[in-house]
Amino acid sequence: MWQRQAGLGNSPRTVLEEIKRIHSHDVILPTTTHGELRLRCITQPDPLQAMLLERLGLELPKRPPSLISLSSKM
């Protein structure tokens, strides 16, 4: 099994429990031109999660690009 080869044991549940503790949130700020600025914030993994991500060959983005929406709000 791929988990055992990566040194992660046999239980997919433990891997999923650690991964689900990494959160992503959008912070939406209104602009003066009636649009909004959307910033994505991702929690930094703790040392155990960082090791798990490394063994899985995954890397979290440093900061995804910001999105600016120019929707009118009347």
N, C-alpha and C. Protein backbone atom coordinates (compact mmCIF):
# COMPACT_ATOMS: atom_id res chain seq x y z
N MET A 1 0.84 -1.19 0.00
CA MET A 1 0.00 0.00 0.00
C MET A 1 0.89 1.25 0.00
N TRP A 2 0.46 2.30 -0.69
CA TRP A 2 1.28 3.51 -0.83
C TRP A 2 1.54 4.17 0.51
N GLN A 3 0.61 4.08 1.45
CA GLN A 3 0.80 4.70 2.76
C GLN A 3 1.98 4.07 3.49
N ARG A 4 2.05 2.76 3.46
CA ARG A 4 3.13 2.06 4.15
C ARG A 4 4.47 2.43 3.52
N GLN A 5 4.52 2.52 2.19
CA GLN A 5 5.76 2.88 1.51
C GLN A 5 6.21 4.29 1.87
N ALA A 6 5.26 5.18 2.14
CA ALA A 6 5.59 6.55 2.54
C ALA A 6 5.83 6.67 4.04
N GLY A 7 5.72 5.55 4.77
CA GLY A 7 5.94 5.58 6.22
C GLY A 7 4.77 6.16 6.99
N LEU A 8 3.55 6.01 6.46
CA LEU A 8 2.38 6.61 7.09
C LEU A 8 1.47 5.60 7.77
N GLY A 9 1.87 4.34 7.84
CA GLY A 9 1.03 3.33 8.48
C GLY A 9 0.02 2.75 7.52
N ASN A 10 -1.01 2.10 8.07
CA ASN A 10 -2.00 1.40 7.25
C ASN A 10 -3.37 2.06 7.22
N SER A 11 -3.61 3.04 8.06
CA SER A 11 -4.95 3.58 8.20
C SER A 11 -5.13 4.90 7.44
N PRO A 12 -5.97 4.90 6.38
CA PRO A 12 -6.23 6.15 5.68
C PRO A 12 -6.93 7.17 6.57
N ARG A 13 -7.64 6.69 7.59
CA ARG A 13 -8.37 7.60 8.48
C ARG A 13 -7.42 8.57 9.18
N THR A 14 -6.27 8.09 9.63
CA THR A 14 -5.33 8.97 10.34
C THR A 14 -4.80 10.05 9.40
N VAL A 15 -4.55 9.69 8.15
CA VAL A 15 -4.08 10.67 7.17
C VAL A 15 -5.16 11.71 6.93
N LEU A 16 -6.39 11.27 6.73
CA LEU A 16 -7.49 12.21 6.48
C LEU A 16 -7.77 13.11 7.69
N GLU A 17 -7.65 12.57 8.90
CA GLU A 17 -7.87 13.37 10.11
C GLU A 17 -6.86 14.52 10.19
N GLU A 18 -5.61 14.25 9.83
CA GLU A 18 -4.59 15.30 9.86
C GLU A 18 -4.81 16.32 8.76
N ILE A 19 -5.12 15.85 7.56
CA ILE A 19 -5.30 16.75 6.42
C ILE A 19 -6.51 17.67 6.63
N LYS A 20 -7.58 17.16 7.22
CA LYS A 20 -8.79 17.99 7.36
C LYS A 20 -8.61 19.13 8.36
N ARG A 21 -7.53 19.10 9.14
CA ARG A 21 -7.29 20.20 10.07
C ARG A 21 -6.62 21.39 9.39
N ILE A 22 -6.28 21.28 8.12
CA ILE A 22 -5.72 22.40 7.36
C ILE A 22 -6.91 23.14 6.73
N HIS A 23 -7.05 24.40 7.06
CA HIS A 23 -8.23 25.16 6.63
C HIS A 23 -7.86 26.25 5.63
N SER A 24 -8.84 26.59 4.81
CA SER A 24 -8.73 27.68 3.86
C SER A 24 -9.97 28.56 4.04
N HIS A 25 -9.75 29.87 4.13
CA HIS A 25 -10.86 30.82 4.31
C HIS A 25 -10.70 31.96 3.32
N ASP A 26 -11.82 32.52 2.90
CA ASP A 26 -11.82 33.71 2.07
C ASP A 26 -12.20 34.90 2.94
N VAL A 27 -11.38 35.95 2.87
CA VAL A 27 -11.69 37.21 3.54
C VAL A 27 -12.13 38.17 2.44
N ILE A 28 -13.34 38.71 2.56
CA ILE A 28 -13.90 39.58 1.53
C ILE A 28 -13.97 41.00 2.08
N LEU A 29 -13.28 41.91 1.39
CA LEU A 29 -13.23 43.31 1.81
C LEU A 29 -13.90 44.18 0.75
N PRO A 30 -14.81 45.07 1.16
CA PRO A 30 -15.44 45.97 0.19
C PRO A 30 -14.43 47.02 -0.28
N THR A 31 -14.57 47.45 -1.53
CA THR A 31 -13.72 48.51 -2.06
C THR A 31 -14.54 49.79 -2.20
N THR A 32 -13.86 50.89 -2.41
CA THR A 32 -14.55 52.18 -2.56
C THR A 32 -15.27 52.30 -3.89
N THR A 33 -15.00 51.40 -4.83
CA THR A 33 -15.65 51.43 -6.14
C THR A 33 -16.79 50.41 -6.22
N HIS A 34 -17.35 50.04 -5.06
CA HIS A 34 -18.49 49.12 -4.96
C HIS A 34 -18.16 47.70 -5.42
N GLY A 35 -16.92 47.37 -5.43
CA GLY A 35 -16.51 45.99 -5.73
C GLY A 35 -16.07 45.32 -4.44
N GLU A 36 -15.35 44.26 -4.58
CA GLU A 36 -14.83 43.58 -3.39
C GLU A 36 -13.48 42.95 -3.70
N LEU A 37 -12.66 42.87 -2.70
CA LEU A 37 -11.36 42.24 -2.78
C LEU A 37 -11.43 40.95 -1.97
N ARG A 38 -11.14 39.83 -2.60
CA ARG A 38 -11.25 38.53 -1.95
C ARG A 38 -9.85 37.96 -1.76
N LEU A 39 -9.48 37.75 -0.49
CA LEU A 39 -8.18 37.20 -0.15
C LEU A 39 -8.35 35.80 0.41
N ARG A 40 -7.62 34.85 -0.11
CA ARG A 40 -7.68 33.48 0.41
C ARG A 40 -6.58 33.30 1.44
N CYS A 41 -6.95 32.83 2.61
CA CYS A 41 -6.01 32.60 3.71
C CYS A 41 -5.98 31.10 4.00
N ILE A 42 -4.77 30.53 4.06
CA ILE A 42 -4.60 29.11 4.33
C ILE A 42 -3.78 28.96 5.59
N THR A 43 -4.25 28.11 6.51
CA THR A 43 -3.51 27.90 7.75
C THR A 43 -2.18 27.23 7.46
N GLN A 44 -1.20 27.56 8.27
CA GLN A 44 0.11 26.92 8.13
C GLN A 44 0.07 25.57 8.82
N PRO A 45 0.60 24.53 8.17
CA PRO A 45 0.57 23.21 8.79
C PRO A 45 1.50 23.13 10.00
N ASP A 46 1.07 22.37 11.01
CA ASP A 46 1.96 22.13 12.15
C ASP A 46 3.04 21.14 11.71
N PRO A 47 4.06 20.90 12.53
CA PRO A 47 5.17 20.03 12.10
C PRO A 47 4.72 18.64 11.63
N LEU A 48 3.75 18.03 12.31
CA LEU A 48 3.27 16.71 11.90
C LEU A 48 2.59 16.77 10.54
N GLN A 49 1.76 17.79 10.33
CA GLN A 49 1.09 17.94 9.04
C GLN A 49 2.09 18.24 7.93
N ALA A 50 3.11 19.05 8.24
CA ALA A 50 4.13 19.37 7.24
C ALA A 50 4.87 18.11 6.80
N MET A 51 5.19 17.24 7.75
CA MET A 51 5.87 15.99 7.43
C MET A 51 4.95 15.10 6.59
N LEU A 52 3.69 15.05 6.95
CA LEU A 52 2.71 14.25 6.20
C LEU A 52 2.59 14.76 4.76
N LEU A 53 2.46 16.07 4.59
CA LEU A 53 2.36 16.64 3.25
C LEU A 53 3.61 16.35 2.43
N GLU A 54 4.77 16.43 3.07
CA GLU A 54 6.03 16.15 2.38
C GLU A 54 6.07 14.70 1.92
N ARG A 55 5.68 13.78 2.78
CA ARG A 55 5.70 12.35 2.42
C ARG A 55 4.68 12.03 1.34
N LEU A 56 3.59 12.80 1.29
CA LEU A 56 2.59 12.60 0.25
C LEU A 56 2.97 13.31 -1.05
N GLY A 57 4.03 14.12 -0.99
CA GLY A 57 4.45 14.86 -2.18
C GLY A 57 3.55 16.04 -2.49
N LEU A 58 2.90 16.60 -1.45
CA LEU A 58 1.99 17.73 -1.63
C LEU A 58 2.60 18.99 -1.06
N GLU A 59 2.27 20.13 -1.66
CA GLU A 59 2.75 21.41 -1.16
C GLU A 59 1.58 22.40 -1.15
N LEU A 60 1.38 23.06 -0.02
CA LEU A 60 0.33 24.07 0.06
C LEU A 60 0.80 25.33 -0.65
N PRO A 61 -0.10 26.05 -1.31
CA PRO A 61 0.29 27.31 -1.95
C PRO A 61 0.68 28.34 -0.90
N LYS A 62 1.68 29.16 -1.23
CA LYS A 62 2.10 30.21 -0.30
C LYS A 62 0.99 31.24 -0.14
N ARG A 63 0.50 31.78 -1.22
CA ARG A 63 -0.66 32.67 -1.21
C ARG A 63 -1.27 32.64 -2.61
N PRO A 64 -2.46 32.10 -2.71
CA PRO A 64 -3.13 32.10 -4.01
C PRO A 64 -3.39 33.53 -4.47
N PRO A 65 -3.57 33.75 -5.75
CA PRO A 65 -3.81 35.10 -6.24
C PRO A 65 -5.10 35.70 -5.67
N SER A 66 -5.10 37.00 -5.47
CA SER A 66 -6.28 37.71 -4.98
C SER A 66 -7.26 37.91 -6.13
N LEU A 67 -8.53 37.93 -5.82
CA LEU A 67 -9.56 38.15 -6.82
C LEU A 67 -10.26 39.46 -6.53
N ILE A 68 -10.44 40.27 -7.57
CA ILE A 68 -11.16 41.53 -7.42
C ILE A 68 -12.43 41.44 -8.25
N SER A 69 -13.56 41.64 -7.60
CA SER A 69 -14.85 41.58 -8.27
C SER A 69 -15.41 42.99 -8.32
N LEU A 70 -15.89 43.38 -9.48
CA LEU A 70 -16.44 44.73 -9.64
C LEU A 70 -17.96 44.66 -9.77
N SER A 71 -18.59 43.93 -8.89
CA SER A 71 -20.05 43.83 -8.93
C SER A 71 -20.66 45.06 -8.29
N SER A 72 -21.70 45.59 -8.90
CA SER A 72 -22.35 46.77 -8.33
C SER A 72 -23.33 46.33 -7.26
N LYS A 73 -23.37 47.09 -6.18
CA LYS A 73 -24.27 46.79 -5.06
C LYS A 73 -25.13 48.02 -4.81
N MET A 74 -26.35 48.00 -5.28
CA MET A 74 -27.22 49.17 -5.12
C MET A 74 -28.38 48.84 -4.24
